[in-house]
Structures are given as C-alpha cells and as structure tokens.
Protein backbone atom coordinates (compact mmCIF):
# COMPACT_ATOMS: atom_id res chain seq x y z
CA MET A 1 87.62 -11.44 87.37
CA ALA A 2 84.47 -12.08 89.15
CA HIS A 3 80.52 -10.50 87.16
CA SER A 4 78.93 -11.75 90.66
CA LEU A 5 78.70 -12.69 94.11
CA LYS A 6 79.13 -16.19 92.42
CA ASP A 7 82.10 -15.91 91.10
CA LYS A 8 83.23 -13.52 93.42
CA ARG A 9 82.40 -17.14 95.79
CA LYS A 10 84.01 -19.74 93.39
CA HIS A 11 86.97 -17.73 92.98
CA ILE A 12 87.95 -16.69 96.51
CA LYS A 13 87.52 -20.27 97.92
CA SER A 14 89.61 -21.55 95.10
CA LEU A 15 92.39 -19.29 95.78
CA LYS A 16 91.81 -20.15 99.59
CA GLU A 17 92.74 -23.82 99.55
CA ARG A 18 95.84 -22.70 96.96
CA LEU A 19 97.14 -20.66 99.61
CA LYS A 20 96.12 -23.24 102.72
CA ASN A 21 97.99 -25.46 101.04
CA ARG A 22 101.06 -24.26 99.89
CA PHE A 23 101.40 -22.33 103.18
CA ASN A 24 99.86 -24.32 105.77
CA ALA A 25 97.77 -20.49 106.39
CA SER A 26 94.91 -19.93 107.51
CA ILE A 27 92.28 -17.99 106.16
CA ALA A 28 88.76 -16.48 106.27
CA GLU A 29 86.56 -14.10 104.02
CA ILE A 30 86.45 -11.54 107.55
CA SER A 31 84.19 -8.59 105.33
CA ALA A 32 82.40 -7.74 101.41
CA LEU A 33 80.87 -10.56 101.80
CA ASP A 34 78.19 -9.52 100.30
CA ASP A 35 80.41 -7.49 97.25
CA TRP A 36 80.37 -9.30 94.28
CA GLN A 37 83.76 -6.84 93.69
CA ARG A 38 85.56 -7.43 96.37
CA SER A 39 86.98 -9.03 99.73
CA VAL A 40 88.47 -9.11 102.90
CA LEU A 41 91.22 -12.00 103.52
CA GLY A 42 92.41 -12.47 106.76
CA ILE A 43 95.11 -14.28 107.18
CA SER A 44 96.87 -16.82 109.49
CA MET A 45 100.30 -18.60 110.44
CA ILE A 46 101.87 -19.58 113.56
CA SER A 47 104.93 -20.45 114.31
CA ASN A 48 107.94 -20.30 116.84
CA GLU A 49 110.63 -18.54 114.34
CA ARG A 50 109.48 -15.04 113.06
CA ARG A 51 111.67 -14.83 110.39
CA PHE A 52 110.02 -17.70 108.44
CA LEU A 53 107.15 -15.83 109.01
CA GLU A 54 108.07 -12.78 108.00
CA LYS A 55 108.81 -14.49 104.31
CA GLN A 56 105.68 -16.75 104.19
CA TYR A 57 103.91 -13.30 104.60
CA ARG A 58 106.65 -11.88 101.00
CA ALA A 59 105.91 -15.40 99.67
CA ILE A 60 101.89 -15.01 99.78
CA GLU A 61 101.87 -11.99 99.09
CA LYS A 62 103.73 -11.47 95.66
CA LEU A 63 101.30 -14.39 94.91
CA LEU A 64 98.61 -12.57 95.45
CA GLU A 65 100.16 -9.50 93.32
CA GLU A 66 101.47 -12.25 90.87
CA SER A 67 97.72 -13.70 90.43
CA ARG A 68 95.06 -12.27 87.18
CA GLU A 69 92.24 -13.31 88.81
CA ILE A 70 92.03 -10.75 91.64
CA GLN A 71 93.75 -6.91 92.03
CA LEU A 72 95.31 -6.72 95.43
CA ILE A 73 94.88 -3.45 96.78
CA LYS A 74 95.53 -2.77 100.38
CA THR A 75 98.10 -5.46 103.57
CA ALA A 76 98.04 -4.86 106.83
CA ILE A 77 100.29 -7.51 108.62
CA GLU A 78 99.86 -7.37 113.08
CA TRP A 79 102.11 -9.56 115.36
CA ILE A 80 101.02 -10.93 118.50
C-alpha cells in the first residue's frame, strides 16, 4: 500500500513490469496519475484467439486480486 505519490509510482512501476513480463501485455496508467491513493491502469493484449485472451485476462485479474500491494476495485474489458 502506498503512503505517498512517490511510493505509489514505485508500486505501479513494479506491477506494470511484472504484468508486461509475465503476460506480454502493454500497460499504462491512464487516470488518477496525481492521486497517491488510487490508480487506473489500461492493459492491452493482441491475439488471433479470443479464448487465449480471455484466459490471460482471467489470470491477470487473479494476480491482481491476490496482490497484497493493491486493492482491485473494478475491472472492465473491451473487445475490438
């Protein structure tokens, strides 16, 4: 849990790197950049198999739910 904006950025950077390395996903903090108590991340993945992406999405969601560093409040998925 972050106690300052600097601390939050450290945690988010670490989380983004773990997700990128484990799931080959693109991740960006897309909102609440200056709010040290919350963050909104956008995660993007590309595949020609929707089932694969659904499995990856569930794995990412599980990883986030099990993380002690963050509290997952809400998720949303958009297919293009």
